[in-house]
C-alpha atoms as a PDB file:
ATOM      1  CA  MET A   1      10.050 -33.062  24.762  1.00  0.00           C
ATOM      2  CA  LYS A   2       9.123 -36.841  24.887  1.00  0.00           C
ATOM      3  CA  THR A   3       4.941 -36.301  26.260  1.00  0.00           C
ATOM      4  CA  ALA A   4       3.351 -38.885  28.605  1.00  0.00           C
ATOM      5  CA  ASN A   5       3.528 -41.665  26.396  1.00  0.00           C
ATOM      6  CA  ASP A   6       7.227 -42.298  25.693  1.00  0.00           C
ATOM      7  CA  PHE A   7       7.340 -43.027  29.719  1.00  0.00           C
ATOM      8  CA  PRO A   8       6.496 -45.441  32.125  1.00  0.00           C
ATOM      9  CA  ALA A   9       3.111 -45.193  33.889  1.00  0.00           C
ATOM     10  CA  LYS A  10       3.004 -43.254  36.851  1.00  0.00           C
ATOM     11  CA  PRO A  11       1.691 -43.074  39.803  1.00  0.00           C
ATOM     12  CA  TYR A  12       5.201 -43.537  41.030  1.00  0.00           C
ATOM     13  CA  LEU A  13       4.126 -43.390  44.081  1.00  0.00           C
ATOM     14  CA  ILE A  14       1.002 -44.353  45.278  1.00  0.00           C
ATOM     15  CA  ASP A  15      -0.035 -43.852  48.457  1.00  0.00           C
ATOM     16  CA  VAL A  16       1.756 -43.840  51.740  1.00  0.00           C
ATOM     17  CA  THR A  17       0.677 -45.676  54.805  1.00  0.00           C
ATOM     18  CA  LEU A  18       0.924 -44.956  58.224  1.00  0.00           C
ATOM     19  CA  ARG A  19       2.661 -47.455  60.933  1.00  0.00           C
ATOM     20  CA  LYS A  20       0.418 -46.840  63.312  1.00  0.00           C
ATOM     21  CA  ASP A  21       1.841 -50.098  66.029  1.00  0.00           C
ATOM     22  CA  LYS A  22       4.711 -48.765  65.685  1.00  0.00           C
ATOM     23  CA  VAL A  23       3.526 -44.622  67.093  1.00  0.00           C
ATOM     24  CA  PRO A  24       5.516 -44.959  71.026  1.00  0.00           C
ATOM     25  CA  SER A  25       2.938 -42.237  72.454  1.00  0.00           C
ATOM     26  CA  TRP A  26       0.072 -40.364  70.010  1.00  0.00           C
ATOM     27  CA  ASP A  27       1.134 -37.477  73.135  1.00  0.00           C
ATOM     28  CA  GLU A  28       3.873 -36.851  71.944  1.00  0.00           C
ATOM     29  CA  TYR A  29       5.306 -34.663  68.597  1.00  0.00           C
ATOM     30  CA  PRO A  30       4.839 -34.877  66.053  1.00  0.00           C
ATOM     31  CA  PHE A  31       1.993 -37.944  66.780  1.00  0.00           C
ATOM     32  CA  SER A  32       0.282 -35.564  68.526  1.00  0.00           C
ATOM     33  CA  LEU A  33      -0.697 -33.449  65.179  1.00  0.00           C
ATOM     34  CA  PRO A  34      -4.235 -33.797  64.230  1.00  0.00           C
ATOM     35  CA  VAL A  35      -2.881 -34.789  60.763  1.00  0.00           C
ATOM     36  CA  VAL A  36      -1.006 -37.798  62.008  1.00  0.00           C
ATOM     37  CA  LYS A  37      -3.236 -39.087  64.376  1.00  0.00           C
ATOM     38  CA  HIS A  38      -6.081 -39.535  61.457  1.00  0.00           C
ATOM     39  CA  LEU A  39      -3.628 -40.908  59.081  1.00  0.00           C
ATOM     40  CA  GLU A  40      -4.277 -44.395  57.434  1.00  0.00           C
ATOM     41  CA  THR A  41      -3.511 -44.503  54.722  1.00  0.00           C
ATOM     42  CA  LEU A  42      -2.893 -41.647  51.596  1.00  0.00           C
ATOM     43  CA  LYS A  43      -3.344 -41.948  48.379  1.00  0.00           C
ATOM     44  CA  PHE A  44      -0.963 -39.903  45.290  1.00  0.00           C
ATOM     45  CA  HIS A  45      -2.915 -38.212  41.874  1.00  0.00           C
ATOM     46  CA  PRO A  46      -0.493 -39.845  39.026  1.00  0.00           C
ATOM     47  CA  ASP A  47       0.131 -36.461  38.146  1.00  0.00           C
ATOM     48  CA  VAL A  48      -0.891 -33.371  40.551  1.00  0.00           C
ATOM     49  CA  THR A  49      -1.596 -33.466  44.398  1.00  0.00           C
ATOM     50  CA  PHE A  50      -2.026 -30.872  46.316  1.00  0.00           C
ATOM     51  CA  LEU A  51      -2.212 -31.065  50.400  1.00  0.00           C
ATOM     52  CA  ILE A  52      -4.336 -27.358  51.686  1.00  0.00           C
ATOM     53  CA  GLY A  53      -5.211 -26.308  54.821  1.00  0.00           C
ATOM     54  CA  GLU A  54      -4.117 -23.333  57.816  1.00  0.00           C
ATOM     55  CA  ASN A  55      -1.117 -22.603  58.632  1.00  0.00           C
ATOM     56  CA  GLY A  56      -0.202 -25.678  61.748  1.00  0.00           C
ATOM     57  CA  THR A  57      -2.083 -28.695  60.737  1.00  0.00           C
ATOM     58  CA  GLY A  58       1.124 -30.632  59.149  1.00  0.00           C
ATOM     59  CA  LYS A  59       1.362 -29.814  55.925  1.00  0.00           C
ATOM     60  CA  SER A  60       4.982 -29.470  56.048  1.00  0.00           C
ATOM     61  CA  THR A  61       5.528 -32.333  59.015  1.00  0.00           C
ATOM     62  CA  LEU A  62       4.195 -34.605  56.299  1.00  0.00           C
ATOM     63  CA  LEU A  63       5.981 -33.369  53.533  1.00  0.00           C
ATOM     64  CA  GLU A  64       9.210 -33.704  55.193  1.00  0.00           C
ATOM     65  CA  ALA A  65       8.113 -37.073  56.065  1.00  0.00           C
ATOM     66  CA  ILE A  66       7.160 -38.159  52.476  1.00  0.00           C
ATOM     67  CA  ALA A  67      10.611 -36.806  51.222  1.00  0.00           C
ATOM     68  CA  ARG A  68      12.867 -37.859  54.138  1.00  0.00           C
ATOM     69  CA  LEU A  69      11.016 -41.196  53.093  1.00  0.00           C
ATOM     70  CA  LEU A  70      11.796 -41.478  49.585  1.00  0.00           C
ATOM     71  CA  GLY A  71      15.115 -40.130  50.492  1.00  0.00           C
ATOM     72  CA  PHE A  72      14.933 -36.227  50.141  1.00  0.00           C
ATOM     73  CA  ASN A  73      18.029 -33.669  52.223  1.00  0.00           C
ATOM     74  CA  ALA A  74      15.214 -32.552  55.104  1.00  0.00           C
ATOM     75  CA  GLU A  75      16.366 -29.336  54.028  1.00  0.00           C
ATOM     76  CA  GLY A  76      15.379 -29.569  50.061  1.00  0.00           C
ATOM     77  CA  GLY A  77      17.201 -30.262  47.140  1.00  0.00           C
ATOM     78  CA  THR A  78      18.223 -34.202  45.596  1.00  0.00           C
ATOM     79  CA  LYS A  79      19.069 -37.210  47.345  1.00  0.00           C
ATOM     80  CA  ASN A  80      22.918 -36.234  46.319  1.00  0.00           C
ATOM     81  CA  SER A  81      22.272 -33.193  48.873  1.00  0.00           C
ATOM     82  CA  LEU A  82      24.117 -33.738  51.456  1.00  0.00           C
ATOM     83  CA  PHE A  83      24.051 -31.689  54.179  1.00  0.00           C
ATOM     84  CA  SER A  84      22.316 -30.071  56.800  1.00  0.00           C
ATOM     85  CA  THR A  85      22.673 -26.676  58.956  1.00  0.00           C
ATOM     86  CA  ARG A  86      20.230 -28.059  61.841  1.00  0.00           C
ATOM     87  CA  ASP A  87      18.691 -30.896  62.105  1.00  0.00           C
ATOM     88  CA  THR A  88      14.911 -30.284  63.889  1.00  0.00           C
ATOM     89  CA  HIS A  89      13.397 -32.322  61.296  1.00  0.00           C
ATOM     90  CA  SER A  90      10.552 -35.334  62.884  1.00  0.00           C
ATOM     91  CA  VAL A  91      10.877 -38.859  63.184  1.00  0.00           C
ATOM     92  CA  LEU A  92       7.714 -39.166  61.382  1.00  0.00           C
ATOM     93  CA  TYR A  93       9.250 -41.073  58.098  1.00  0.00           C
ATOM     94  CA  ASP A  94      10.497 -44.027  60.154  1.00  0.00           C
ATOM     95  CA  TYR A  95       7.242 -44.463  60.458  1.00  0.00           C
ATOM     96  CA  LEU A  96       5.788 -44.250  56.746  1.00  0.00           C
ATOM     97  CA  LYS A  97       5.347 -46.954  54.440  1.00  0.00           C
ATOM     98  CA  ALA A  98       5.300 -45.747  51.084  1.00  0.00           C
ATOM     99  CA  GLY A  99       3.140 -47.544  48.468  1.00  0.00           C
ATOM    100  CA  ARG A 100       5.423 -47.292  45.201  1.00  0.00           C
ATOM    101  CA  SER A 101       4.907 -48.500  41.933  1.00  0.00           C
ATOM    102  CA  PHE A 102       6.523 -50.847  38.947  1.00  0.00           C
ATOM    103  CA  SER A 103       8.091 -47.356  37.206  1.00  0.00           C
ATOM    104  CA  ILE A 104      11.152 -45.543  39.210  1.00  0.00           C
ATOM    105  CA  PRO A 105      11.154 -41.974  39.162  1.00  0.00           C
ATOM    106  CA  LYS A 106      14.561 -41.029  37.429  1.00  0.00           C
ATOM    107  CA  ASP A 107      14.870 -37.049  38.578  1.00  0.00           C
ATOM    108  CA  GLY A 108      13.518 -36.171  41.680  1.00  0.00           C
ATOM    109  CA  TYR A 109      13.415 -33.451  44.276  1.00  0.00           C
ATOM    110  CA  PHE A 110      12.525 -31.687  47.696  1.00  0.00           C
ATOM    111  CA  LEU A 111      11.597 -27.656  47.508  1.00  0.00           C
ATOM    112  CA  ARG A 112      11.745 -26.467  50.939  1.00  0.00           C
ATOM    113  CA  ALA A 113      10.859 -23.150  50.457  1.00  0.00           C
ATOM    114  CA  GLU A 114      12.028 -22.226  53.931  1.00  0.00           C
ATOM    115  CA  SER A 115      15.391 -23.364  53.496  1.00  0.00           C
ATOM    116  CA  PHE A 116      16.065 -23.025  50.028  1.00  0.00           C
ATOM    117  CA  TYR A 117      18.539 -20.175  51.294  1.00  0.00           C
ATOM    118  CA  ASN A 118      20.450 -23.568  52.422  1.00  0.00           C
ATOM    119  CA  VAL A 119      20.173 -25.500  49.550  1.00  0.00           C
ATOM    120  CA  ALA A 120      21.647 -22.548  47.178  1.00  0.00           C
ATOM    121  CA  SER A 121      24.418 -21.590  49.850  1.00  0.00           C
ATOM    122  CA  TYR A 122      24.768 -25.753  49.430  1.00  0.00           C
ATOM    123  CA  MET A 123      25.250 -25.379  45.204  1.00  0.00           C
ATOM    124  CA  ASP A 124      27.464 -22.323  46.113  1.00  0.00           C
ATOM    125  CA  ASP A 125      30.505 -24.447  47.825  1.00  0.00           C
ATOM    126  CA  VAL A 126      30.559 -27.744  45.880  1.00  0.00           C
ATOM    127  CA  ASP A 127      29.881 -25.026  42.504  1.00  0.00           C
ATOM    128  CA  TYR A 128      27.509 -27.616  41.093  1.00  0.00           C
ATOM    129  CA  LEU A 129      25.339 -24.323  39.224  1.00  0.00           C
ATOM    130  CA  ALA A 130      24.978 -26.249  35.647  1.00  0.00           C
ATOM    131  CA  GLY A 131      21.939 -27.795  37.125  1.00  0.00           C
ATOM    132  CA  TYR A 132      21.078 -24.501  38.295  1.00  0.00           C
ATOM    133  CA  GLY A 133      21.175 -22.466  34.496  1.00  0.00           C
ATOM    134  CA  GLY A 134      24.690 -21.760  35.528  1.00  0.00           C
ATOM    135  CA  LYS A 135      24.192 -18.629  37.908  1.00  0.00           C
ATOM    136  CA  SER A 136      24.000 -18.466  41.386  1.00  0.00           C
ATOM    137  CA  LEU A 137      20.665 -18.802  42.859  1.00  0.00           C
ATOM    138  CA  HIS A 138      22.236 -15.958  45.339  1.00  0.00           C
ATOM    139  CA  ALA A 139      23.010 -14.117  42.496  1.00  0.00           C
ATOM    140  CA  GLN A 140      19.134 -14.046  41.391  1.00  0.00           C
ATOM    141  CA  SER A 141      15.649 -12.660  43.696  1.00  0.00           C
ATOM    142  CA  HIS A 142      14.231 -15.474  45.784  1.00  0.00           C
ATOM    143  CA  GLY A 143      11.374 -15.518  42.803  1.00  0.00           C
ATOM    144  CA  GLU A 144      13.774 -15.846  39.795  1.00  0.00           C
ATOM    145  CA  SER A 145      15.769 -18.508  41.927  1.00  0.00           C
ATOM    146  CA  PHE A 146      12.725 -20.398  42.219  1.00  0.00           C
ATOM    147  CA  LEU A 147      11.993 -20.105  38.209  1.00  0.00           C
ATOM    148  CA  ALA A 148      15.532 -21.107  37.715  1.00  0.00           C
ATOM    149  CA  LEU A 149      14.359 -24.614  39.613  1.00  0.00           C
ATOM    150  CA  LEU A 150      11.691 -25.688  38.041  1.00  0.00           C
ATOM    151  CA  ASN A 151      13.510 -24.120  34.146  1.00  0.00           C
ATOM    152  CA  HIS A 152      16.820 -25.680  34.757  1.00  0.00           C
ATOM    153  CA  LYS A 153      17.092 -28.334  38.021  1.00  0.00           C
ATOM    154  CA  PHE A 154      13.425 -30.465  36.573  1.00  0.00           C
ATOM    155  CA  ARG A 155      14.128 -32.526  33.286  1.00  0.00           C
ATOM    156  CA  GLY A 156      11.098 -34.033  33.514  1.00  0.00           C
ATOM    157  CA  ASN A 157      10.296 -38.173  33.843  1.00  0.00           C
ATOM    158  CA  GLY A 158      10.557 -37.325  38.167  1.00  0.00           C
ATOM    159  CA  LEU A 159       8.854 -37.273  41.264  1.00  0.00           C
ATOM    160  CA  TYR A 160       8.280 -33.523  42.128  1.00  0.00           C
ATOM    161  CA  ILE A 161       7.714 -32.622  46.154  1.00  0.00           C
ATOM    162  CA  LEU A 162       7.296 -28.877  46.453  1.00  0.00           C
ATOM    163  CA  ASP A 163       7.050 -27.266  49.741  1.00  0.00           C
ATOM    164  CA  GLU A 164       5.050 -24.230  48.710  1.00  0.00           C
ATOM    165  CA  PRO A 165       6.711 -22.891  45.871  1.00  0.00           C
ATOM    166  CA  GLU A 166       4.752 -20.025  45.611  1.00  0.00           C
ATOM    167  CA  ALA A 167       6.386 -18.182  48.896  1.00  0.00           C
ATOM    168  CA  ALA A 168       8.956 -16.343  46.287  1.00  0.00           C
ATOM    169  CA  LEU A 169       6.311 -15.893  43.419  1.00  0.00           C
ATOM    170  CA  SER A 170       3.746 -12.947  41.880  1.00  0.00           C
ATOM    171  CA  PRO A 171       0.464 -14.322  40.838  1.00  0.00           C
ATOM    172  CA  SER A 172       2.340 -13.422  37.566  1.00  0.00           C
ATOM    173  CA  ARG A 173       5.082 -16.141  38.479  1.00  0.00           C
ATOM    174  CA  GLN A 174       2.946 -18.075  40.000  1.00  0.00           C
ATOM    175  CA  LEU A 175       1.448 -18.816  36.255  1.00  0.00           C
ATOM    176  CA  SER A 176       4.602 -19.344  34.574  1.00  0.00           C
ATOM    177  CA  ALA A 177       5.091 -22.061  37.329  1.00  0.00           C
ATOM    178  CA  LEU A 178       1.602 -23.449  36.157  1.00  0.00           C
ATOM    179  CA  ALA A 179       2.911 -23.398  33.142  1.00  0.00           C
ATOM    180  CA  ILE A 180       6.630 -25.411  33.457  1.00  0.00           C
ATOM    181  CA  ILE A 181       4.349 -27.881  36.209  1.00  0.00           C
ATOM    182  CA  HIS A 182       1.966 -28.657  32.898  1.00  0.00           C
ATOM    183  CA  MET A 183       4.932 -28.864  30.509  1.00  0.00           C
ATOM    184  CA  LEU A 184       6.722 -31.163  33.622  1.00  0.00           C
ATOM    185  CA  VAL A 185       3.421 -33.384  33.683  1.00  0.00           C
ATOM    186  CA  LYS A 186       3.158 -34.333  30.235  1.00  0.00           C
ATOM    187  CA  ALA A 187       7.138 -35.182  31.100  1.00  0.00           C
ATOM    188  CA  GLY A 188       6.273 -37.601  32.805  1.00  0.00           C
ATOM    189  CA  SER A 189       6.801 -36.062  36.189  1.00  0.00           C
ATOM    190  CA  GLN A 190       4.564 -37.182  39.348  1.00  0.00           C
ATOM    191  CA  PHE A 191       3.728 -33.443  42.103  1.00  0.00           C
ATOM    192  CA  ILE A 192       3.554 -33.512  44.993  1.00  0.00           C
ATOM    193  CA  ILE A 193       2.620 -30.064  46.777  1.00  0.00           C
ATOM    194  CA  ALA A 194       1.676 -28.260  50.402  1.00  0.00           C
ATOM    195  CA  THR A 195       0.832 -24.471  49.305  1.00  0.00           C
ATOM    196  CA  HIS A 196      -2.063 -22.359  50.198  1.00  0.00           C
ATOM    197  CA  SER A 197      -2.240 -20.369  46.455  1.00  0.00           C
ATOM    198  CA  PRO A 198      -5.553 -20.645  44.518  1.00  0.00           C
ATOM    199  CA  ILE A 199      -3.501 -20.355  40.999  1.00  0.00           C
ATOM    200  CA  LEU A 200      -1.515 -23.557  41.571  1.00  0.00           C
ATOM    201  CA  MET A 201      -4.254 -25.133  42.905  1.00  0.00           C
ATOM    202  CA  ALA A 202      -5.844 -24.433  39.948  1.00  0.00           C
ATOM    203  CA  TYR A 203      -4.182 -27.073  37.923  1.00  0.00           C
ATOM    204  CA  PRO A 204      -6.970 -29.704  35.704  1.00  0.00           C
ATOM    205  CA  GLN A 205      -7.434 -32.914  37.094  1.00  0.00           C
ATOM    206  CA  ALA A 206      -5.151 -32.491  40.669  1.00  0.00           C
ATOM    207  CA  ARG A 207      -5.948 -34.643  43.688  1.00  0.00           C
ATOM    208  CA  ILE A 208      -6.645 -31.862  46.289  1.00  0.00           C
ATOM    209  CA  LEU A 209      -6.558 -32.481  49.724  1.00  0.00           C
ATOM    210  CA  LEU A 210      -7.390 -30.539  53.438  1.00  0.00           C
ATOM    211  CA  LEU A 211      -5.967 -31.210  56.984  1.00  0.00           C
ATOM    212  CA  SER A 212      -7.638 -30.160  59.400  1.00  0.00           C
ATOM    213  CA  GLU A 213      -8.577 -31.022  62.826  1.00  0.00           C
ATOM    214  CA  SER A 214     -10.817 -33.910  61.707  1.00  0.00           C
ATOM    215  CA  GLY A 215      -7.934 -34.990  59.643  1.00  0.00           C
ATOM    216  CA  PHE A 216      -8.099 -35.834  55.439  1.00  0.00           C
ATOM    217  CA  GLU A 217     -11.179 -34.656  53.098  1.00  0.00           C
ATOM    218  CA  GLN A 218     -10.295 -34.558  49.738  1.00  0.00           C
ATOM    219  CA  VAL A 219     -12.102 -31.361  47.815  1.00  0.00           C
ATOM    220  CA  GLU A 220     -13.376 -29.534  44.441  1.00  0.00           C
ATOM    221  CA  TYR A 221     -10.953 -26.993  43.867  1.00  0.00           C
ATOM    222  CA  GLU A 222     -14.571 -24.745  43.807  1.00  0.00           C
ATOM    223  CA  ASP A 223     -15.124 -25.883  47.085  1.00  0.00           C
ATOM    224  CA  THR A 224     -11.147 -24.918  48.960  1.00  0.00           C
ATOM    225  CA  ASP A 225     -11.862 -21.681  51.324  1.00  0.00           C
ATOM    226  CA  HIS A 226      -8.289 -20.412  49.345  1.00  0.00           C
ATOM    227  CA  PHE A 227     -10.413 -20.480  46.297  1.00  0.00           C
ATOM    228  CA  LYS A 228     -13.802 -18.223  47.957  1.00  0.00           C
ATOM    229  CA  ILE A 229     -11.761 -15.818  49.787  1.00  0.00           C
ATOM    230  CA  ALA A 230      -9.735 -14.468  46.551  1.00  0.00           C
ATOM    231  CA  ARG A 231     -12.844 -15.116  44.136  1.00  0.00           C
ATOM    232  CA  ASP A 232     -15.090 -12.702  47.190  1.00  0.00           C
ATOM    233  CA  PHE A 233     -12.592  -9.886  48.235  1.00  0.00           C
ATOM    234  CA  LEU A 234     -12.143  -9.299  44.420  1.00  0.00           C
ATOM    235  CA  ASN A 235     -15.634  -9.553  43.769  1.00  0.00           C
ATOM    236  CA  HIS A 236     -16.498  -7.411  47.098  1.00  0.00           C
ATOM    237  CA  ARG A 237     -14.015  -5.864  47.697  1.00  0.00           C
ATOM    238  CA  GLU A 238     -14.384  -2.400  48.630  1.00  0.00           C
ATOM    239  CA  THR A 239     -17.541  -3.850  51.063  1.00  0.00           C
ATOM    240  CA  MET A 240     -15.137  -6.496  52.026  1.00  0.00           C
ATOM    241  CA  LEU A 241     -12.535  -3.653  53.261  1.00  0.00           C
ATOM    242  CA  LYS A 242     -15.587  -1.838  55.240  1.00  0.00           C
ATOM    243  CA  VAL A 243     -16.030  -4.333  57.055  1.00  0.00           C
ATOM    244  CA  LEU A 244     -12.625  -5.954  58.140  1.00  0.00           C
ATOM    245  CA  LEU A 245     -11.208  -2.262  58.916  1.00  0.00           C
ATOM    246  CA  GLU A 246     -14.162  -0.192  60.233  1.00  0.00           C
ATOM    247  CA  GLU A 247     -13.173   0.906  63.762  1.00  0.00           C
END
């Protein structure tokens, strides 16, 4: 496989900026979300950027908007995945501006865990399975289909947007996914990932952006609640369980 030196300089996506002067009302969804109210310019790492935060902070809404801004299907897939099972995506992408480099990715994909079933059904309907290992994604477990996607569909020199890819992966499979991500980074790829997984967000030198009611904050891996809670639970399991389950 080619190395990063064989590809144009990254990042493909430098940043996204909210066009605040175009926002119709800060009281309407999605502009009422804290993540949008505090959004100005969000800068991405050339290799891997993680968006983390509690449920409901707007990670998926923001990631969907970035994917739509770049031309991907709101439900996931490539830019050629022309299907829609339910029109529920927000209009946020219409109010974002992308800062792109001179480098153009040769590959790209938007993985959305909650609607991957719809992507798999679409692949069966159009009889396109070659890019997924030649086997229907529905004929595989959820985790197997995710890894088939990473192994066969992602070819490198690409921009990949992943929304909670750990949803179907066991801890050992998350480690496998981490290795594949690294291989693709070395092959000239850029990743933007929303996750809760302390395994995935351990990727070296990644930019970790914490979303909260106060906006965005770049944090170190060891300072994330994901790392601290997992570490403390594994190191003090009996004590924590006693406190949690005490009647």
